[in-house]
Amino acid sequence: MTILGSGSIVSQFAEAGLIDELQIMIDPVAIAKGTALFENIAQPLSFQLVNTRTFKSGVILLNYIPQ
């Protein structure tokens, strides 16, 4: 299952231990306000970076797995 851009659903899945892989794309654009990726989590989450990819546009893809 892929979840795109929903911090509240990602937080719920992460706390339940249901995330196998987390892919985060970083776009080099600064904005004044935004939504947190993980909101209202009760305990710290630990992920290990397993791969990175940089695109010509400057976008960076980060792949994480839970520890």
N, C-alpha and C. Protein backbone atom coordinates (compact mmCIF):
# COMPACT_ATOMS: atom_id res chain seq x y z
N MET A 1 0.85 -1.15 0.00
CA MET A 1 0.00 0.00 0.00
C MET A 1 0.90 1.22 0.00
N THR A 2 0.53 2.21 -0.74
CA THR A 2 1.26 3.47 -0.79
C THR A 2 0.37 4.57 -0.23
N ILE A 3 0.93 5.38 0.64
CA ILE A 3 0.20 6.53 1.20
C ILE A 3 0.94 7.78 0.75
N LEU A 4 0.24 8.66 0.08
CA LEU A 4 0.86 9.88 -0.42
C LEU A 4 0.35 11.10 0.35
N GLY A 5 1.25 11.78 1.02
CA GLY A 5 0.97 13.08 1.59
C GLY A 5 -0.06 13.18 2.69
N SER A 6 -0.22 12.15 3.50
CA SER A 6 -1.17 12.24 4.60
C SER A 6 -0.46 11.97 5.91
N GLY A 7 -0.07 13.05 6.60
CA GLY A 7 0.67 12.91 7.85
C GLY A 7 -0.09 12.18 8.93
N SER A 8 -1.41 12.38 9.02
CA SER A 8 -2.17 11.73 10.09
C SER A 8 -2.25 10.22 9.87
N ILE A 9 -2.43 9.78 8.64
CA ILE A 9 -2.49 8.33 8.37
C ILE A 9 -1.12 7.70 8.57
N VAL A 10 -0.07 8.38 8.10
CA VAL A 10 1.29 7.87 8.27
C VAL A 10 1.61 7.71 9.75
N SER A 11 1.23 8.68 10.56
CA SER A 11 1.47 8.60 12.01
C SER A 11 0.76 7.41 12.63
N GLN A 12 -0.48 7.17 12.25
CA GLN A 12 -1.24 6.05 12.78
C GLN A 12 -0.61 4.71 12.38
N PHE A 13 -0.21 4.58 11.11
CA PHE A 13 0.43 3.36 10.65
C PHE A 13 1.77 3.14 11.33
N ALA A 14 2.54 4.21 11.50
CA ALA A 14 3.87 4.09 12.13
C ALA A 14 3.73 3.63 13.57
N GLU A 15 2.82 4.23 14.32
CA GLU A 15 2.65 3.84 15.72
C GLU A 15 2.16 2.40 15.86
N ALA A 16 1.44 1.91 14.86
CA ALA A 16 0.96 0.53 14.89
C ALA A 16 2.02 -0.45 14.37
N GLY A 17 3.18 0.06 13.93
CA GLY A 17 4.24 -0.80 13.42
C GLY A 17 3.94 -1.38 12.05
N LEU A 18 3.15 -0.67 11.24
CA LEU A 18 2.71 -1.19 9.95
C LEU A 18 3.47 -0.62 8.75
N ILE A 19 4.56 0.10 9.00
CA ILE A 19 5.34 0.66 7.89
C ILE A 19 6.55 -0.23 7.62
N ASP A 20 6.64 -0.74 6.37
CA ASP A 20 7.77 -1.57 5.96
C ASP A 20 8.89 -0.72 5.38
N GLU A 21 8.51 0.35 4.72
CA GLU A 21 9.49 1.24 4.10
C GLU A 21 8.90 2.64 4.04
N LEU A 22 9.75 3.62 4.24
CA LEU A 22 9.33 5.01 4.19
C LEU A 22 10.17 5.70 3.13
N GLN A 23 9.51 6.29 2.13
CA GLN A 23 10.20 7.02 1.08
C GLN A 23 9.80 8.49 1.20
N ILE A 24 10.80 9.33 1.37
CA ILE A 24 10.55 10.77 1.51
C ILE A 24 11.26 11.49 0.37
N MET A 25 10.51 12.32 -0.35
CA MET A 25 11.10 13.13 -1.41
C MET A 25 11.24 14.55 -0.89
N ILE A 26 12.45 15.08 -0.99
CA ILE A 26 12.72 16.44 -0.55
C ILE A 26 12.90 17.30 -1.79
N ASP A 27 12.05 18.31 -1.91
CA ASP A 27 12.09 19.25 -3.02
C ASP A 27 12.69 20.55 -2.52
N PRO A 28 13.73 21.07 -3.18
CA PRO A 28 14.41 22.26 -2.66
C PRO A 28 13.59 23.55 -2.85
N VAL A 29 12.46 23.61 -2.15
CA VAL A 29 11.60 24.78 -2.19
C VAL A 29 11.27 25.15 -0.75
N ALA A 30 11.43 26.40 -0.40
CA ALA A 30 11.11 26.86 0.95
C ALA A 30 9.69 27.41 0.98
N ILE A 31 8.92 26.95 1.97
CA ILE A 31 7.56 27.47 2.14
C ILE A 31 7.42 27.99 3.57
N ALA A 32 6.50 28.89 3.77
CA ALA A 32 6.35 29.52 5.09
C ALA A 32 5.73 28.56 6.11
N LYS A 33 4.77 27.78 5.69
CA LYS A 33 4.09 26.86 6.62
C LYS A 33 3.84 25.53 5.91
N GLY A 34 3.67 24.50 6.71
CA GLY A 34 3.39 23.19 6.14
C GLY A 34 2.85 22.25 7.19
N THR A 35 2.62 21.03 6.82
CA THR A 35 2.11 20.00 7.72
C THR A 35 3.25 19.07 8.10
N ALA A 36 3.33 18.73 9.36
CA ALA A 36 4.36 17.81 9.84
C ALA A 36 4.11 16.41 9.27
N LEU A 37 5.19 15.71 8.99
CA LEU A 37 5.06 14.34 8.47
C LEU A 37 4.46 13.41 9.52
N PHE A 38 4.93 13.53 10.76
CA PHE A 38 4.41 12.71 11.85
C PHE A 38 3.82 13.65 12.90
N GLU A 39 2.52 13.61 13.07
CA GLU A 39 1.86 14.46 14.05
C GLU A 39 1.32 13.62 15.20
N ASN A 40 1.44 14.15 16.40
CA ASN A 40 0.82 13.55 17.59
C ASN A 40 1.22 12.10 17.85
N ILE A 41 2.49 11.76 17.63
CA ILE A 41 2.93 10.41 17.93
C ILE A 41 3.26 10.32 19.43
N ALA A 42 2.95 9.19 20.02
CA ALA A 42 3.13 9.01 21.46
C ALA A 42 4.56 8.60 21.82
N GLN A 43 5.26 7.93 20.90
CA GLN A 43 6.60 7.46 21.20
C GLN A 43 7.52 7.74 20.02
N PRO A 44 8.82 7.86 20.28
CA PRO A 44 9.76 8.12 19.18
C PRO A 44 9.77 6.97 18.17
N LEU A 45 9.97 7.30 16.91
CA LEU A 45 10.08 6.31 15.85
C LEU A 45 11.53 6.26 15.40
N SER A 46 12.02 5.08 15.09
CA SER A 46 13.42 4.92 14.69
C SER A 46 13.47 4.27 13.30
N PHE A 47 14.10 4.96 12.36
CA PHE A 47 14.24 4.45 11.00
C PHE A 47 15.71 4.46 10.61
N GLN A 48 16.08 3.56 9.70
CA GLN A 48 17.45 3.47 9.19
C GLN A 48 17.44 3.84 7.71
N LEU A 49 18.30 4.77 7.33
CA LEU A 49 18.43 5.17 5.93
C LEU A 49 19.09 4.03 5.16
N VAL A 50 18.45 3.56 4.08
CA VAL A 50 19.00 2.44 3.31
C VAL A 50 19.36 2.81 1.88
N ASN A 51 18.84 3.94 1.38
CA ASN A 51 19.16 4.32 0.01
C ASN A 51 18.83 5.80 -0.20
N THR A 52 19.58 6.42 -1.10
CA THR A 52 19.28 7.79 -1.51
C THR A 52 19.38 7.87 -3.02
N ARG A 53 18.65 8.83 -3.58
CA ARG A 53 18.73 9.07 -5.02
C ARG A 53 18.53 10.56 -5.25
N THR A 54 19.40 11.15 -6.05
CA THR A 54 19.31 12.57 -6.36
C THR A 54 18.93 12.71 -7.83
N PHE A 55 17.93 13.55 -8.09
CA PHE A 55 17.47 13.78 -9.45
C PHE A 55 18.07 15.08 -9.99
N LYS A 56 18.12 15.23 -11.31
CA LYS A 56 18.68 16.42 -11.94
C LYS A 56 17.97 17.69 -11.49
N SER A 57 16.72 17.59 -11.12
CA SER A 57 15.93 18.75 -10.68
C SER A 57 16.36 19.25 -9.30
N GLY A 58 17.15 18.43 -8.59
CA GLY A 58 17.55 18.77 -7.23
C GLY A 58 16.75 18.04 -6.18
N VAL A 59 15.70 17.35 -6.59
CA VAL A 59 14.89 16.55 -5.66
C VAL A 59 15.72 15.37 -5.16
N ILE A 60 15.58 15.07 -3.87
CA ILE A 60 16.29 13.94 -3.28
C ILE A 60 15.27 12.95 -2.75
N LEU A 61 15.45 11.67 -3.07
CA LEU A 61 14.59 10.60 -2.57
C LEU A 61 15.36 9.86 -1.48
N LEU A 62 14.77 9.76 -0.29
CA LEU A 62 15.37 9.04 0.82
C LEU A 62 14.54 7.82 1.15
N ASN A 63 15.16 6.66 1.24
CA ASN A 63 14.46 5.41 1.57
C ASN A 63 14.89 4.96 2.97
N TYR A 64 13.91 4.73 3.83
CA TYR A 64 14.15 4.30 5.21
C TYR A 64 13.38 3.01 5.49
N ILE A 65 13.94 2.21 6.41
CA ILE A 65 13.22 1.06 6.94
C ILE A 65 13.19 1.21 8.46
N PRO A 66 12.17 0.65 9.11
CA PRO A 66 12.10 0.74 10.57
C PRO A 66 13.23 -0.05 11.20
N GLN A 67 13.69 0.43 12.36
CA GLN A 67 14.73 -0.30 13.10
C GLN A 67 14.09 -1.12 14.19
